[in-house]
N, C-alpha and C. Protein backbone atom coordinates (compact mmCIF):
# COMPACT_ATOMS: atom_id res chain seq x y z
N MET A 1 -19.39 1.88 9.80
CA MET A 1 -18.69 3.08 9.36
C MET A 1 -17.20 2.83 9.40
N ILE A 2 -16.47 3.51 8.51
CA ILE A 2 -15.03 3.38 8.48
C ILE A 2 -14.45 3.84 9.81
N ASP A 3 -13.45 3.14 10.27
CA ASP A 3 -12.81 3.46 11.53
C ASP A 3 -12.11 4.82 11.42
N ILE A 4 -12.25 5.64 12.43
CA ILE A 4 -11.67 6.98 12.43
C ILE A 4 -10.15 6.90 12.27
N ILE A 5 -9.52 5.89 12.84
CA ILE A 5 -8.07 5.74 12.72
C ILE A 5 -7.69 5.52 11.25
N ASP A 6 -8.46 4.66 10.55
CA ASP A 6 -8.20 4.43 9.13
C ASP A 6 -8.39 5.72 8.35
N LEU A 7 -9.44 6.45 8.67
CA LEU A 7 -9.73 7.69 7.98
C LEU A 7 -8.60 8.70 8.19
N LYS A 8 -8.04 8.76 9.37
CA LYS A 8 -6.93 9.68 9.64
C LYS A 8 -5.68 9.27 8.86
N GLU A 9 -5.50 7.95 8.66
CA GLU A 9 -4.37 7.49 7.85
C GLU A 9 -4.54 7.94 6.40
N TYR A 10 -5.77 7.84 5.88
CA TYR A 10 -6.04 8.30 4.53
C TYR A 10 -5.83 9.81 4.42
N GLU A 11 -6.25 10.52 5.43
CA GLU A 11 -6.03 11.98 5.46
C GLU A 11 -4.54 12.29 5.37
N ALA A 12 -3.75 11.57 6.14
CA ALA A 12 -2.31 11.82 6.16
C ALA A 12 -1.70 11.53 4.78
N MET A 13 -2.14 10.44 4.14
CA MET A 13 -1.61 10.11 2.82
C MET A 13 -1.96 11.19 1.80
N ALA A 14 -3.16 11.79 1.93
CA ALA A 14 -3.60 12.83 1.01
C ALA A 14 -3.16 14.22 1.48
N MET A 15 -2.42 14.26 2.57
CA MET A 15 -1.94 15.51 3.17
C MET A 15 -3.09 16.47 3.46
N LEU A 16 -4.14 15.93 4.09
CA LEU A 16 -5.29 16.72 4.48
C LEU A 16 -5.36 16.78 6.00
N ASP A 17 -6.04 17.78 6.49
CA ASP A 17 -6.32 17.89 7.92
C ASP A 17 -7.77 18.33 8.04
N LEU A 18 -8.67 17.35 8.10
CA LEU A 18 -10.09 17.64 8.11
C LEU A 18 -10.58 17.92 9.53
N PRO A 19 -11.52 18.85 9.67
CA PRO A 19 -12.16 19.04 10.97
C PRO A 19 -13.03 17.82 11.29
N ASP A 20 -13.35 17.62 12.55
CA ASP A 20 -14.09 16.43 12.98
C ASP A 20 -15.43 16.28 12.28
N ASP A 21 -16.16 17.39 12.06
CA ASP A 21 -17.46 17.28 11.40
C ASP A 21 -17.32 16.81 9.95
N GLU A 22 -16.28 17.30 9.25
CA GLU A 22 -16.03 16.85 7.88
C GLU A 22 -15.61 15.38 7.87
N ARG A 23 -14.84 14.99 8.85
CA ARG A 23 -14.40 13.60 8.95
C ARG A 23 -15.60 12.67 9.13
N GLU A 24 -16.56 13.11 9.93
CA GLU A 24 -17.77 12.32 10.15
C GLU A 24 -18.59 12.21 8.86
N LYS A 25 -18.76 13.33 8.15
CA LYS A 25 -19.49 13.30 6.88
C LYS A 25 -18.81 12.38 5.88
N LEU A 26 -17.49 12.47 5.82
CA LEU A 26 -16.74 11.65 4.88
C LEU A 26 -16.87 10.16 5.23
N GLY A 27 -16.87 9.85 6.51
CA GLY A 27 -17.05 8.47 6.94
C GLY A 27 -18.41 7.92 6.52
N LYS A 28 -19.45 8.73 6.67
CA LYS A 28 -20.79 8.30 6.26
C LYS A 28 -20.87 8.12 4.74
N ARG A 29 -20.26 9.04 4.01
CA ARG A 29 -20.26 8.94 2.54
C ARG A 29 -19.51 7.70 2.09
N TYR A 30 -18.40 7.41 2.76
CA TYR A 30 -17.62 6.21 2.46
C TYR A 30 -18.49 4.97 2.62
N ASP A 31 -19.26 4.91 3.71
CA ASP A 31 -20.13 3.76 3.95
C ASP A 31 -21.19 3.63 2.86
N GLU A 32 -21.72 4.75 2.38
CA GLU A 32 -22.71 4.71 1.30
C GLU A 32 -22.08 4.13 0.03
N ILE A 33 -20.88 4.55 -0.27
CA ILE A 33 -20.20 4.08 -1.49
C ILE A 33 -19.91 2.59 -1.39
N VAL A 34 -19.35 2.17 -0.29
CA VAL A 34 -19.03 0.75 -0.10
C VAL A 34 -20.31 -0.08 -0.08
N GLY A 35 -21.37 0.45 0.51
CA GLY A 35 -22.65 -0.24 0.53
C GLY A 35 -23.20 -0.45 -0.87
N GLY A 36 -22.96 0.49 -1.76
CA GLY A 36 -23.40 0.36 -3.14
C GLY A 36 -22.73 -0.81 -3.84
N PHE A 37 -21.48 -1.08 -3.49
CA PHE A 37 -20.77 -2.20 -4.09
C PHE A 37 -21.22 -3.54 -3.52
N SER A 38 -21.81 -3.54 -2.35
CA SER A 38 -22.27 -4.80 -1.76
C SER A 38 -23.39 -5.42 -2.60
N ALA A 39 -24.16 -4.58 -3.30
CA ALA A 39 -25.20 -5.10 -4.19
C ALA A 39 -24.56 -5.90 -5.33
N LEU A 40 -23.41 -5.48 -5.80
CA LEU A 40 -22.72 -6.21 -6.85
C LEU A 40 -22.19 -7.56 -6.36
N GLU A 41 -21.81 -7.61 -5.09
CA GLU A 41 -21.30 -8.87 -4.53
C GLU A 41 -22.37 -9.95 -4.48
N ARG A 42 -23.63 -9.55 -4.43
CA ARG A 42 -24.72 -10.52 -4.33
C ARG A 42 -25.11 -11.12 -5.68
N ILE A 43 -24.60 -10.58 -6.76
CA ILE A 43 -24.94 -11.08 -8.10
C ILE A 43 -24.16 -12.36 -8.36
N ASP A 44 -24.86 -13.42 -8.79
CA ASP A 44 -24.23 -14.70 -9.09
C ASP A 44 -23.62 -14.65 -10.50
N THR A 45 -22.30 -14.68 -10.57
CA THR A 45 -21.62 -14.62 -11.86
C THR A 45 -20.88 -15.92 -12.18
N ASN A 46 -21.14 -16.97 -11.41
CA ASN A 46 -20.42 -18.22 -11.60
C ASN A 46 -20.66 -18.84 -12.98
N SER A 47 -21.84 -18.67 -13.55
CA SER A 47 -22.14 -19.30 -14.83
C SER A 47 -21.75 -18.41 -16.02
N LEU A 48 -21.19 -17.25 -15.77
CA LEU A 48 -20.82 -16.33 -16.84
C LEU A 48 -19.36 -16.49 -17.22
N GLU A 49 -19.10 -16.35 -18.52
CA GLU A 49 -17.73 -16.42 -19.01
C GLU A 49 -17.11 -15.02 -18.94
N PRO A 50 -15.89 -14.91 -18.44
CA PRO A 50 -15.26 -13.58 -18.35
C PRO A 50 -15.07 -12.96 -19.72
N LEU A 51 -15.20 -11.64 -19.78
CA LEU A 51 -15.03 -10.91 -21.03
C LEU A 51 -13.77 -10.06 -20.96
N VAL A 52 -13.09 -9.95 -22.08
CA VAL A 52 -11.98 -9.03 -22.19
C VAL A 52 -12.50 -7.68 -22.66
N THR A 53 -13.53 -7.75 -23.50
CA THR A 53 -14.15 -6.54 -24.03
C THR A 53 -15.64 -6.80 -24.22
N VAL A 54 -16.40 -5.76 -24.20
CA VAL A 54 -17.84 -5.91 -24.42
C VAL A 54 -18.18 -5.88 -25.91
N LEU A 55 -17.21 -5.54 -26.73
CA LEU A 55 -17.44 -5.48 -28.17
C LEU A 55 -17.37 -6.87 -28.78
N ASP A 56 -18.20 -7.12 -29.77
CA ASP A 56 -18.25 -8.42 -30.43
C ASP A 56 -17.37 -8.39 -31.67
N MET A 57 -16.05 -8.37 -31.46
CA MET A 57 -15.13 -8.37 -32.59
C MET A 57 -13.78 -8.93 -32.15
N ASN A 58 -13.02 -9.38 -33.12
CA ASN A 58 -11.66 -9.82 -32.85
C ASN A 58 -10.75 -8.61 -32.85
N SER A 59 -9.50 -8.84 -32.59
CA SER A 59 -8.55 -7.75 -32.54
C SER A 59 -8.50 -7.00 -33.87
N ILE A 60 -8.62 -5.70 -33.80
CA ILE A 60 -8.56 -4.89 -35.01
C ILE A 60 -7.16 -4.31 -35.19
N MET A 61 -6.26 -4.68 -34.31
CA MET A 61 -4.90 -4.18 -34.38
C MET A 61 -4.15 -4.90 -35.48
N ARG A 62 -3.30 -4.19 -36.17
CA ARG A 62 -2.49 -4.80 -37.21
C ARG A 62 -1.29 -5.51 -36.58
N GLU A 63 -0.65 -6.34 -37.37
CA GLU A 63 0.58 -6.99 -36.91
C GLU A 63 1.63 -5.92 -36.66
N ASP A 64 2.44 -6.11 -35.66
CA ASP A 64 3.51 -5.18 -35.35
C ASP A 64 4.73 -5.58 -36.17
N VAL A 65 4.89 -4.94 -37.31
CA VAL A 65 5.96 -5.27 -38.23
C VAL A 65 6.88 -4.06 -38.35
N SER A 66 8.16 -4.30 -38.18
CA SER A 66 9.12 -3.22 -38.30
C SER A 66 9.34 -2.89 -39.77
N VAL A 67 9.19 -1.61 -40.11
CA VAL A 67 9.37 -1.16 -41.49
C VAL A 67 10.27 0.06 -41.45
N LYS A 68 11.30 0.04 -42.25
CA LYS A 68 12.22 1.17 -42.29
C LYS A 68 11.73 2.16 -43.34
N PHE A 69 11.28 3.33 -42.91
CA PHE A 69 10.72 4.32 -43.82
C PHE A 69 11.78 5.28 -44.33
N LEU A 70 12.58 5.81 -43.43
CA LEU A 70 13.57 6.81 -43.81
C LEU A 70 14.97 6.36 -43.39
N THR A 71 15.93 6.81 -44.12
CA THR A 71 17.31 6.51 -43.73
C THR A 71 17.77 7.56 -42.73
N ARG A 72 18.82 7.26 -42.03
CA ARG A 72 19.38 8.20 -41.06
C ARG A 72 19.77 9.50 -41.76
N ASP A 73 20.38 9.38 -42.94
CA ASP A 73 20.80 10.58 -43.66
C ASP A 73 19.62 11.46 -44.05
N ALA A 74 18.51 10.84 -44.44
CA ALA A 74 17.32 11.61 -44.81
C ALA A 74 16.77 12.35 -43.60
N ILE A 75 16.78 11.73 -42.46
CA ILE A 75 16.28 12.37 -41.24
C ILE A 75 17.22 13.50 -40.82
N LEU A 76 18.52 13.23 -40.82
CA LEU A 76 19.48 14.24 -40.40
C LEU A 76 19.58 15.41 -41.38
N ALA A 77 19.10 15.23 -42.58
CA ALA A 77 19.13 16.32 -43.56
C ALA A 77 18.29 17.50 -43.09
N ASN A 78 17.30 17.26 -42.24
CA ASN A 78 16.44 18.33 -41.72
C ASN A 78 16.95 18.92 -40.41
N ALA A 79 18.00 18.35 -39.86
CA ALA A 79 18.52 18.82 -38.58
C ALA A 79 19.30 20.11 -38.77
N PRO A 80 19.07 21.11 -37.90
CA PRO A 80 19.84 22.35 -38.02
C PRO A 80 21.33 22.10 -37.76
N GLU A 81 21.62 21.19 -36.82
CA GLU A 81 23.01 20.84 -36.53
C GLU A 81 23.08 19.34 -36.26
N GLN A 82 24.17 18.73 -36.69
CA GLN A 82 24.38 17.31 -36.44
C GLN A 82 25.85 17.07 -36.19
N TYR A 83 26.12 15.97 -35.50
CA TYR A 83 27.50 15.61 -35.22
C TYR A 83 27.61 14.10 -35.19
N ASP A 84 28.47 13.55 -35.98
CA ASP A 84 28.78 12.12 -35.99
C ASP A 84 27.52 11.25 -36.17
N GLY A 85 26.59 11.71 -37.01
CA GLY A 85 25.40 10.92 -37.31
C GLY A 85 24.27 11.09 -36.31
N TYR A 86 24.35 12.08 -35.43
CA TYR A 86 23.31 12.33 -34.43
C TYR A 86 22.89 13.78 -34.46
N PHE A 87 21.68 14.07 -33.95
CA PHE A 87 21.26 15.45 -33.79
C PHE A 87 22.15 16.10 -32.75
N GLN A 88 22.55 17.33 -33.00
CA GLN A 88 23.31 18.07 -32.01
C GLN A 88 22.40 19.14 -31.45
N VAL A 89 22.27 19.14 -30.11
CA VAL A 89 21.39 20.09 -29.45
C VAL A 89 22.19 20.82 -28.38
N PRO A 90 21.70 21.98 -27.95
CA PRO A 90 22.40 22.69 -26.87
C PRO A 90 22.41 21.86 -25.59
N GLY A 91 23.46 22.02 -24.80
CA GLY A 91 23.54 21.31 -23.53
C GLY A 91 22.43 21.73 -22.59
N THR A 92 21.94 20.80 -21.79
CA THR A 92 20.86 21.11 -20.85
C THR A 92 21.31 21.05 -19.40
N LEU A 93 22.49 20.55 -19.15
CA LEU A 93 22.99 20.49 -17.77
C LEU A 93 23.68 21.78 -17.42
N VAL A 94 23.51 22.21 -16.19
CA VAL A 94 24.13 23.45 -15.73
C VAL A 94 25.33 23.13 -14.91
């Protein structure tokens, strides 16, 4: 079972204050979860090649190519207010 001291450290990080009975239940549940992963540790994966994806395809992403669609003037034409080639917005600092 998880050490009570470790469990209290996790409680503090999560800003919880569990009663002792809840702490005990949580410790038992933690052991069940960790025990479930121990079955995975017993599987021999040495002969398997690592996968990046389970899908059988190459990258479907397109090349990242910079394309200029609009000019600055075209974009600023829709701005309610502009100043010196930039959008002008109300100040946000108080």
